[in-house]
Every structure is written in C-alpha cells, then in structure tokens.
Amino acid sequence: MLRFPRILFFVLSVTCGGALAETMKVASLSTVLTDIAKNVGGERVKILQIVKPGVDPHVYEPTPGDISKISEARLVLASGLGFEGYLEKLKTSIGAGPDFVVAGDVIQPIFVNEEDAHDDAGDGHDHGHHHAAGTGGKYPDPHWWHSIKNAGIVTLQIRDALIAADPAGRADYESNAGDFQEKLAALSKWVRLQVAALPKNRRVLVTSHDALGYFAADYSFEVHPVQGISTSDQPS
C-alpha cells in the first residue's frame, strides 16, 4: 500500500482547497470604490485595481491591457455621473461579460453651473470629465465620495451587487458591509465634532480643484475653488 509523506498530503490539500475557493474578480475604476469593495468583499473577492493611487482619474484612459483585465472580471465598479468619460465606450469594447456597478446610479447628485462643468483650458479639448447630461444649464457634480452619507449608500449598492453575483457569500457580504457602515458612522460623528468647534463664519474652503461640493453641502462650508471641477481647468 502506497503512503504519501505528510508534507505532500499537506501541499495537495492546500492546493486543492485553494482551487475550490477561487475568489471572484471585481475590477475597479476608482480608488475609493476599491477601498469600499475590499471592505465589503473581504477574502471572497479579488480586486483588479485598474485606476491605481497616484493616477489622476480626470485624465485616465483605459489601455488595451486594462480592457483585457476588465473583461476577466465578474463586476466592474465605476463612479458615474460623467466622471469616467470613457465609460460607454468601455462597455461597448468589452461587450457581454461583466456587470457594471455605477455608483452615480444610486446617488442624489448636487448640480453645478454649466460654465463650471466644462474644461476652461481654452485649447478646444476636454481633458477632464465628460460630464453627464444636465438640465437648465446645470450638470451633476461627480465627486459624490466626499460625502460620508454617499459612501454608505454605495457600500450597500456594492454589497447587493456582490450578493447577486455570489449568493453563497451573502452572510459574509452582509456582515462586512455592516462593519464598514459602523466605521463610516463613527467617522461621521468625529467629523461633526471637529466642524462644530469651527465658528460658522470660518467655514470657508479655498481649494485648487472644485471637488468638495458634497462635503461643503453636508457640513455647511463655503467653497472658493481656483479651478473648476476638472483638474485640467486653468485658473483665471
């Protein structure tokens, strides 16, 4: 009778077990969505971080290699509200395959004036957001993640998308999402305490890039941006 050495049995067990517990691939077009997905997905998901830290998402365009990686995913996470100007073209390029989870679909956006929503560089090219269609000269601000409340809404959206794609992981996703919601609630309480210590007449933000509209709306700040809502806008 053949006997396997114990170490060989151990290696075979780990290898086979790993094959059975293959993680679900989730592609992310946002560092914020990557963070939320890691917290909610835990060990059941593998995040394909397409837009990495240090990359300006306003000017990013998917490479052929990126498109190939995204095609392998079960889900694709995007910010929406016009933030990824390439999004519709990307969906067409990929075709049938991954499901797109767009955060902007569940967010109640705030709106900016038309002149603030377009590139003012004066060179005839739009290097920033290809903004979502607006009405009455207003366009949705795509920087939804600067509101903790919005981050909580998107957390639940991602939880539900993961459950739909991987029903066996429901308990894990619900537990992880609940834990992350508690962290967001604690963060919200901390921010309000810090803001309360600042007199209302001093709640003024001068920023290089007009991306803090949601934060300003939540905590009653007045924002004076040097640039518009695209990093490519040139200050006057």
C-alpha atoms as a PDB file:
ATOM      1  CA  MET A   1       0.000   0.000   0.000  1.00  0.00           C
ATOM      2  CA  LEU A   2       1.383   3.381  -1.036  1.00  0.00           C
ATOM      3  CA  ARG A   3       1.778   6.008   1.668  1.00  0.00           C
ATOM      4  CA  PHE A   4       2.137   9.720   0.890  1.00  0.00           C
ATOM      5  CA  PRO A   5       4.560  11.686   3.027  1.00  0.00           C
ATOM      6  CA  ARG A   6       2.664  14.025   5.355  1.00  0.00           C
ATOM      7  CA  ILE A   7       4.172  17.137   3.745  1.00  0.00           C
ATOM      8  CA  LEU A   8       2.991  16.028   0.301  1.00  0.00           C
ATOM      9  CA  PHE A   9      -0.508  15.412   1.646  1.00  0.00           C
ATOM     10  CA  PHE A  10      -0.487  18.899   3.157  1.00  0.00           C
ATOM     11  CA  VAL A  11       0.601  20.525  -0.123  1.00  0.00           C
ATOM     12  CA  LEU A  12      -2.083  18.665  -2.078  1.00  0.00           C
ATOM     13  CA  SER A  13      -4.737  19.664   0.446  1.00  0.00           C
ATOM     14  CA  VAL A  14      -3.806  23.359   0.294  1.00  0.00           C
ATOM     15  CA  THR A  15      -3.614  23.340  -3.486  1.00  0.00           C
ATOM     16  CA  CYS A  16      -6.950  21.607  -3.985  1.00  0.00           C
ATOM     17  CA  GLY A  17      -8.613  23.693  -1.317  1.00  0.00           C
ATOM     18  CA  GLY A  18      -7.401  26.888  -2.960  1.00  0.00           C
ATOM     19  CA  ALA A  19      -8.793  25.781  -6.308  1.00  0.00           C
ATOM     20  CA  LEU A  20     -12.201  25.151  -4.778  1.00  0.00           C
ATOM     21  CA  ALA A  21     -12.236  28.544  -3.021  1.00  0.00           C
ATOM     22  CA  GLU A  22     -11.458  30.658  -6.088  1.00  0.00           C
ATOM     23  CA  THR A  23     -12.198  34.327  -5.433  1.00  0.00           C
ATOM     24  CA  MET A  24     -14.485  36.467  -7.596  1.00  0.00           C
ATOM     25  CA  LYS A  25     -12.745  39.106  -9.696  1.00  0.00           C
ATOM     26  CA  VAL A  26     -14.001  42.667  -9.360  1.00  0.00           C
ATOM     27  CA  ALA A  27     -12.477  45.437 -11.497  1.00  0.00           C
ATOM     28  CA  SER A  28     -12.450  48.951 -10.048  1.00  0.00           C
ATOM     29  CA  LEU A  29     -12.111  52.251 -11.903  1.00  0.00           C
ATOM     30  CA  SER A  30     -11.819  54.235  -8.663  1.00  0.00           C
ATOM     31  CA  THR A  31      -9.516  54.052  -5.654  1.00  0.00           C
ATOM     32  CA  VAL A  32     -12.483  54.933  -3.420  1.00  0.00           C
ATOM     33  CA  LEU A  33     -14.581  52.094  -4.830  1.00  0.00           C
ATOM     34  CA  THR A  34     -11.584  49.787  -4.471  1.00  0.00           C
ATOM     35  CA  ASP A  35     -11.451  50.550  -0.758  1.00  0.00           C
ATOM     36  CA  ILE A  36     -15.183  50.003  -0.255  1.00  0.00           C
ATOM     37  CA  ALA A  37     -15.134  46.764  -2.264  1.00  0.00           C
ATOM     38  CA  LYS A  38     -12.192  45.401  -0.262  1.00  0.00           C
ATOM     39  CA  ASN A  39     -14.015  46.090   2.981  1.00  0.00           C
ATOM     40  CA  VAL A  40     -17.288  44.536   1.824  1.00  0.00           C
ATOM     41  CA  GLY A  41     -15.868  41.705  -0.289  1.00  0.00           C
ATOM     42  CA  GLY A  42     -13.210  40.556   2.124  1.00  0.00           C
ATOM     43  CA  GLU A  43     -11.477  37.327   1.178  1.00  0.00           C
ATOM     44  CA  ARG A  44     -14.204  36.305  -1.250  1.00  0.00           C
ATOM     45  CA  VAL A  45     -13.194  38.863  -3.883  1.00  0.00           C
ATOM     46  CA  LYS A  46     -10.057  39.771  -5.779  1.00  0.00           C
ATOM     47  CA  ILE A  47      -9.962  43.458  -6.683  1.00  0.00           C
ATOM     48  CA  LEU A  48      -8.442  44.311 -10.058  1.00  0.00           C
ATOM     49  CA  GLN A  49      -7.389  47.891  -9.323  1.00  0.00           C
ATOM     50  CA  ILE A  50      -7.454  49.471 -12.781  1.00  0.00           C
ATOM     51  CA  VAL A  51      -7.092  53.095 -11.644  1.00  0.00           C
ATOM     52  CA  LYS A  52      -4.347  52.999  -9.020  1.00  0.00           C
ATOM     53  CA  PRO A  53      -3.330  55.516  -6.346  1.00  0.00           C
ATOM     54  CA  GLY A  54      -1.315  58.376  -7.805  1.00  0.00           C
ATOM     55  CA  VAL A  55      -3.106  58.253 -11.173  1.00  0.00           C
ATOM     56  CA  ASP A  56      -5.199  61.341 -11.981  1.00  0.00           C
ATOM     57  CA  PRO A  57      -8.636  59.843 -12.768  1.00  0.00           C
ATOM     58  CA  HIS A  58      -9.602  63.001 -14.657  1.00  0.00           C
ATOM     59  CA  VAL A  59      -7.177  62.230 -17.469  1.00  0.00           C
ATOM     60  CA  TYR A  60      -7.005  58.424 -17.271  1.00  0.00           C
ATOM     61  CA  GLU A  61      -7.950  56.408 -20.363  1.00  0.00           C
ATOM     62  CA  PRO A  62      -8.112  52.567 -20.385  1.00  0.00           C
ATOM     63  CA  THR A  63      -5.228  50.834 -22.155  1.00  0.00           C
ATOM     64  CA  PRO A  64      -5.680  47.608 -24.172  1.00  0.00           C
ATOM     65  CA  GLY A  65      -4.154  45.763 -21.203  1.00  0.00           C
ATOM     66  CA  ASP A  66      -6.661  47.376 -18.846  1.00  0.00           C
ATOM     67  CA  ILE A  67      -9.555  46.383 -21.100  1.00  0.00           C
ATOM     68  CA  SER A  68      -8.270  42.805 -21.137  1.00  0.00           C
ATOM     69  CA  LYS A  69      -8.182  42.715 -17.307  1.00  0.00           C
ATOM     70  CA  ILE A  70     -11.633  44.256 -17.016  1.00  0.00           C
ATOM     71  CA  SER A  71     -13.023  41.628 -19.397  1.00  0.00           C
ATOM     72  CA  GLU A  72     -11.967  38.915 -16.930  1.00  0.00           C
ATOM     73  CA  ALA A  73     -13.977  40.445 -14.073  1.00  0.00           C
ATOM     74  CA  ARG A  74     -17.427  39.460 -12.859  1.00  0.00           C
ATOM     75  CA  LEU A  75     -18.206  43.023 -11.781  1.00  0.00           C
ATOM     76  CA  VAL A  76     -16.852  46.437 -12.793  1.00  0.00           C
ATOM     77  CA  LEU A  77     -17.118  49.347 -10.338  1.00  0.00           C
ATOM     78  CA  ALA A  78     -17.398  52.882 -11.726  1.00  0.00           C
ATOM     79  CA  SER A  79     -18.148  56.289 -10.194  1.00  0.00           C
ATOM     80  CA  GLY A  80     -20.531  57.514 -12.878  1.00  0.00           C
ATOM     81  CA  LEU A  81     -22.152  60.969 -13.121  1.00  0.00           C
ATOM     82  CA  GLY A  82     -19.822  61.654 -16.045  1.00  0.00           C
ATOM     83  CA  PHE A  83     -16.629  61.066 -14.070  1.00  0.00           C
ATOM     84  CA  GLU A  84     -15.390  58.376 -16.473  1.00  0.00           C
ATOM     85  CA  GLY A  85     -15.850  59.964 -19.881  1.00  0.00           C
ATOM     86  CA  TYR A  86     -14.811  56.701 -21.492  1.00  0.00           C
ATOM     87  CA  LEU A  87     -17.394  54.539 -19.687  1.00  0.00           C
ATOM     88  CA  GLU A  88     -19.874  53.967 -22.521  1.00  0.00           C
ATOM     89  CA  LYS A  89     -17.051  53.272 -24.983  1.00  0.00           C
ATOM     90  CA  LEU A  90     -15.557  50.813 -22.481  1.00  0.00           C
ATOM     91  CA  LYS A  91     -18.860  48.954 -22.160  1.00  0.00           C
ATOM     92  CA  THR A  92     -19.046  48.669 -25.938  1.00  0.00           C
ATOM     93  CA  SER A  93     -15.449  47.444 -26.197  1.00  0.00           C
ATOM     94  CA  ILE A  94     -15.986  44.741 -23.593  1.00  0.00           C
ATOM     95  CA  GLY A  95     -19.402  43.649 -24.779  1.00  0.00           C
ATOM     96  CA  ALA A  96     -21.180  40.843 -22.944  1.00  0.00           C
ATOM     97  CA  GLY A  97     -19.432  39.731 -19.785  1.00  0.00           C
ATOM     98  CA  PRO A  98     -19.002  41.684 -16.558  1.00  0.00           C
ATOM     99  CA  ASP A  99     -21.835  43.605 -14.944  1.00  0.00           C
ATOM    100  CA  PHE A 100     -21.177  47.322 -14.379  1.00  0.00           C
ATOM    101  CA  VAL A 101     -21.978  48.749 -10.946  1.00  0.00           C
ATOM    102  CA  VAL A 102     -22.177  52.547 -11.281  1.00  0.00           C
ATOM    103  CA  ALA A 103     -22.212  54.471  -8.010  1.00  0.00           C
ATOM    104  CA  GLY A 104     -23.829  57.513  -9.582  1.00  0.00           C
ATOM    105  CA  ASP A 105     -26.955  55.456 -10.250  1.00  0.00           C
ATOM    106  CA  VAL A 106     -27.833  55.429  -6.532  1.00  0.00           C
ATOM    107  CA  ILE A 107     -26.587  58.912  -5.574  1.00  0.00           C
ATOM    108  CA  GLN A 108     -28.740  62.014  -5.346  1.00  0.00           C
ATOM    109  CA  PRO A 109     -26.334  64.426  -7.080  1.00  0.00           C
ATOM    110  CA  ILE A 110     -25.749  68.087  -6.447  1.00  0.00           C
ATOM    111  CA  PHE A 111     -25.510  70.265  -9.533  1.00  0.00           C
ATOM    112  CA  VAL A 112     -23.046  72.867 -10.762  1.00  0.00           C
ATOM    113  CA  ASN A 113     -23.425  75.603 -13.338  1.00  0.00           C
ATOM    114  CA  GLU A 114     -22.705  74.699 -16.947  1.00  0.00           C
ATOM    115  CA  GLU A 115     -19.687  77.008 -17.160  1.00  0.00           C
ATOM    116  CA  ASP A 116     -18.132  75.241 -14.151  1.00  0.00           C
ATOM    117  CA  ALA A 117     -18.739  71.759 -15.583  1.00  0.00           C
ATOM    118  CA  HIS A 118     -16.656  72.124 -18.732  1.00  0.00           C
ATOM    119  CA  ASP A 119     -12.988  72.487 -19.446  1.00  0.00           C
ATOM    120  CA  ASP A 120     -11.930  76.148 -19.486  1.00  0.00           C
ATOM    121  CA  ALA A 121      -8.413  75.495 -20.760  1.00  0.00           C
ATOM    122  CA  GLY A 122      -9.206  77.272 -23.998  1.00  0.00           C
ATOM    123  CA  ASP A 123      -7.402  74.750 -26.218  1.00  0.00           C
ATOM    124  CA  GLY A 124     -10.547  73.153 -27.616  1.00  0.00           C
ATOM    125  CA  HIS A 125     -10.013  69.830 -25.842  1.00  0.00           C
ATOM    126  CA  ASP A 126     -11.785  68.357 -22.864  1.00  0.00           C
ATOM    127  CA  HIS A 127      -9.112  66.735 -20.706  1.00  0.00           C
ATOM    128  CA  GLY A 128     -11.326  66.246 -17.694  1.00  0.00           C
ATOM    129  CA  HIS A 129     -14.722  64.748 -17.021  1.00  0.00           C
ATOM    130  CA  HIS A 130     -17.137  64.173 -19.885  1.00  0.00           C
ATOM    131  CA  HIS A 131     -19.997  65.339 -17.760  1.00  0.00           C
ATOM    132  CA  ALA A 132     -23.339  63.641 -17.596  1.00  0.00           C
ATOM    133  CA  ALA A 133     -26.207  65.384 -19.304  1.00  0.00           C
ATOM    134  CA  GLY A 134     -27.658  68.231 -17.300  1.00  0.00           C
ATOM    135  CA  THR A 135     -30.792  70.327 -17.415  1.00  0.00           C
ATOM    136  CA  GLY A 136     -31.314  74.064 -17.277  1.00  0.00           C
ATOM    137  CA  GLY A 137     -27.595  74.762 -17.600  1.00  0.00           C
ATOM    138  CA  LYS A 138     -26.812  72.545 -14.593  1.00  0.00           C
ATOM    139  CA  TYR A 139     -24.633  69.417 -14.519  1.00  0.00           C
ATOM    140  CA  PRO A 140     -24.195  66.784 -11.795  1.00  0.00           C
ATOM    141  CA  ASP A 141     -21.058  67.056  -9.694  1.00  0.00           C
ATOM    142  CA  PRO A 142     -19.383  63.618  -9.971  1.00  0.00           C
ATOM    143  CA  HIS A 143     -17.351  63.850  -6.721  1.00  0.00           C
ATOM    144  CA  TRP A 144     -20.003  62.040  -4.652  1.00  0.00           C
ATOM    145  CA  TRP A 145     -17.493  60.276  -2.334  1.00  0.00           C
ATOM    146  CA  HIS A 146     -16.714  63.414  -0.341  1.00  0.00           C
ATOM    147  CA  SER A 147     -19.993  62.798   1.483  1.00  0.00           C
ATOM    148  CA  ILE A 148     -19.812  60.058   4.117  1.00  0.00           C
ATOM    149  CA  LYS A 149     -23.555  59.524   3.658  1.00  0.00           C
ATOM    150  CA  ASN A 150     -22.990  58.795  -0.027  1.00  0.00           C
ATOM    151  CA  ALA A 151     -20.181  56.372   0.817  1.00  0.00           C
ATOM    152  CA  GLY A 152     -22.672  54.481   2.976  1.00  0.00           C
ATOM    153  CA  ILE A 153     -25.218  54.337   0.162  1.00  0.00           C
ATOM    154  CA  VAL A 154     -22.632  52.993  -2.269  1.00  0.00           C
ATOM    155  CA  THR A 155     -21.467  50.452   0.325  1.00  0.00           C
ATOM    156  CA  LEU A 156     -24.950  48.929   0.271  1.00  0.00           C
ATOM    157  CA  GLN A 157     -25.024  49.055  -3.529  1.00  0.00           C
ATOM    158  CA  ILE A 158     -21.762  47.116  -3.740  1.00  0.00           C
ATOM    159  CA  ARG A 159     -22.956  44.670  -1.068  1.00  0.00           C
ATOM    160  CA  ASP A 160     -26.083  43.906  -3.085  1.00  0.00           C
ATOM    161  CA  ALA A 161     -24.110  43.561  -6.334  1.00  0.00           C
ATOM    162  CA  LEU A 162     -21.709  41.097  -4.707  1.00  0.00           C
ATOM    163  CA  ILE A 163     -24.597  39.061  -3.301  1.00  0.00           C
ATOM    164  CA  ALA A 164     -26.275  38.945  -6.710  1.00  0.00           C
ATOM    165  CA  ALA A 165     -23.049  37.725  -8.310  1.00  0.00           C
ATOM    166  CA  ASP A 166     -22.107  35.348  -5.468  1.00  0.00           C
ATOM    167  CA  PRO A 167     -25.214  34.321  -3.484  1.00  0.00           C
ATOM    168  CA  ALA A 168     -23.212  31.828  -1.425  1.00  0.00           C
ATOM    169  CA  GLY A 169     -21.329  34.733   0.134  1.00  0.00           C
ATOM    170  CA  ARG A 170     -24.413  36.634   1.327  1.00  0.00           C
ATOM    171  CA  ALA A 171     -23.668  36.229   5.034  1.00  0.00           C
ATOM    172  CA  ASP A 172     -20.069  37.410   4.614  1.00  0.00           C
ATOM    173  CA  TYR A 173     -21.015  40.399   2.471  1.00  0.00           C
ATOM    174  CA  GLU A 174     -23.801  41.486   4.820  1.00  0.00           C
ATOM    175  CA  SER A 175     -21.556  41.163   7.878  1.00  0.00           C
ATOM    176  CA  ASN A 176     -18.657  43.014   6.227  1.00  0.00           C
ATOM    177  CA  ALA A 177     -20.925  45.783   4.959  1.00  0.00           C
ATOM    178  CA  GLY A 178     -22.392  46.193   8.438  1.00  0.00           C
ATOM    179  CA  ASP A 179     -18.930  46.521   9.952  1.00  0.00           C
ATOM    180  CA  PHE A 180     -17.930  49.103   7.359  1.00  0.00           C
ATOM    181  CA  GLN A 181     -21.150  51.073   7.919  1.00  0.00           C
ATOM    182  CA  GLU A 182     -20.258  51.269  11.611  1.00  0.00           C
ATOM    183  CA  LYS A 183     -16.840  52.699  10.708  1.00  0.00           C
ATOM    184  CA  LEU A 184     -18.489  55.285   8.472  1.00  0.00           C
ATOM    185  CA  ALA A 185     -20.913  56.231  11.244  1.00  0.00           C
ATOM    186  CA  ALA A 186     -18.015  56.717  13.669  1.00  0.00           C
ATOM    187  CA  LEU A 187     -16.180  58.816  11.091  1.00  0.00           C
ATOM    188  CA  SER A 188     -19.277  60.965  10.510  1.00  0.00           C
ATOM    189  CA  LYS A 189     -19.620  61.600  14.247  1.00  0.00           C
ATOM    190  CA  TRP A 190     -15.933  62.555  14.506  1.00  0.00           C
ATOM    191  CA  VAL A 191     -16.155  64.983  11.572  1.00  0.00           C
ATOM    192  CA  ARG A 192     -19.219  66.710  13.014  1.00  0.00           C
ATOM    193  CA  LEU A 193     -17.437  67.185  16.327  1.00  0.00           C
ATOM    194  CA  GLN A 194     -14.452  68.770  14.565  1.00  0.00           C
ATOM    195  CA  VAL A 195     -16.654  71.025  12.453  1.00  0.00           C
ATOM    196  CA  ALA A 196     -18.682  72.098  15.486  1.00  0.00           C
ATOM    197  CA  ALA A 197     -15.507  73.539  17.001  1.00  0.00           C
ATOM    198  CA  LEU A 198     -15.098  75.842  13.990  1.00  0.00           C
ATOM    199  CA  PRO A 199     -17.163  79.072  14.004  1.00  0.00           C
ATOM    200  CA  LYS A 200     -19.663  79.223  11.144  1.00  0.00           C
ATOM    201  CA  ASN A 201     -18.084  82.366   9.698  1.00  0.00           C
ATOM    202  CA  ARG A 202     -14.788  80.488   9.322  1.00  0.00           C
ATOM    203  CA  ARG A 203     -16.205  77.503   7.450  1.00  0.00           C
ATOM    204  CA  VAL A 204     -14.645  78.573   4.185  1.00  0.00           C
ATOM    205  CA  LEU A 205     -12.600  76.338   1.861  1.00  0.00           C
ATOM    206  CA  VAL A 206     -10.228  77.689  -0.770  1.00  0.00           C
ATOM    207  CA  THR A 207      -9.319  74.734  -2.972  1.00  0.00           C
ATOM    208  CA  SER A 208      -7.282  74.246  -6.137  1.00  0.00           C
ATOM    209  CA  HIS A 209      -9.876  71.866  -7.623  1.00  0.00           C
ATOM    210  CA  ASP A 210     -13.633  72.205  -7.100  1.00  0.00           C
ATOM    211  CA  ALA A 211     -14.208  68.679  -5.811  1.00  0.00           C
ATOM    212  CA  LEU A 212     -15.562  69.266  -2.308  1.00  0.00           C
ATOM    213  CA  GLY A 213     -19.127  70.311  -3.081  1.00  0.00           C
ATOM    214  CA  TYR A 214     -20.671  67.317  -1.312  1.00  0.00           C
ATOM    215  CA  PHE A 215     -18.518  67.839   1.778  1.00  0.00           C
ATOM    216  CA  ALA A 216     -19.459  71.528   1.783  1.00  0.00           C
ATOM    217  CA  ALA A 217     -23.158  70.705   1.483  1.00  0.00           C
ATOM    218  CA  ASP A 218     -23.030  68.207   4.371  1.00  0.00           C
ATOM    219  CA  TYR A 219     -21.160  70.498   6.755  1.00  0.00           C
ATOM    220  CA  SER A 220     -22.232  73.985   5.614  1.00  0.00           C
ATOM    221  CA  PHE A 221     -18.923  75.135   4.156  1.00  0.00           C
ATOM    222  CA  GLU A 222     -18.453  77.838   1.552  1.00  0.00           C
ATOM    223  CA  VAL A 223     -16.103  76.776  -1.246  1.00  0.00           C
ATOM    224  CA  HIS A 224     -13.908  79.081  -3.338  1.00  0.00           C
ATOM    225  CA  PRO A 225     -12.136  76.950  -5.978  1.00  0.00           C
ATOM    226  CA  VAL A 226      -9.224  78.190  -8.067  1.00  0.00           C
ATOM    227  CA  GLN A 227     -10.059  75.607 -10.766  1.00  0.00           C
ATOM    228  CA  GLY A 228     -13.362  74.112 -11.899  1.00  0.00           C
ATOM    229  CA  ILE A 229     -14.437  70.546 -11.242  1.00  0.00           C
ATOM    230  CA  SER A 230     -11.809  69.223 -13.669  1.00  0.00           C
ATOM    231  CA  THR A 231      -8.122  69.244 -12.770  1.00  0.00           C
ATOM    232  CA  SER A 232      -7.393  70.385 -16.329  1.00  0.00           C
ATOM    233  CA  ASP A 233      -9.248  73.676 -15.867  1.00  0.00           C
ATOM    234  CA  GLN A 234      -6.962  76.711 -15.879  1.00  0.00           C
ATOM    235  CA  PRO A 235      -7.356  79.408 -13.199  1.00  0.00           C
ATOM    236  CA  SER A 236      -8.152  82.934 -14.357  1.00  0.00           C
END
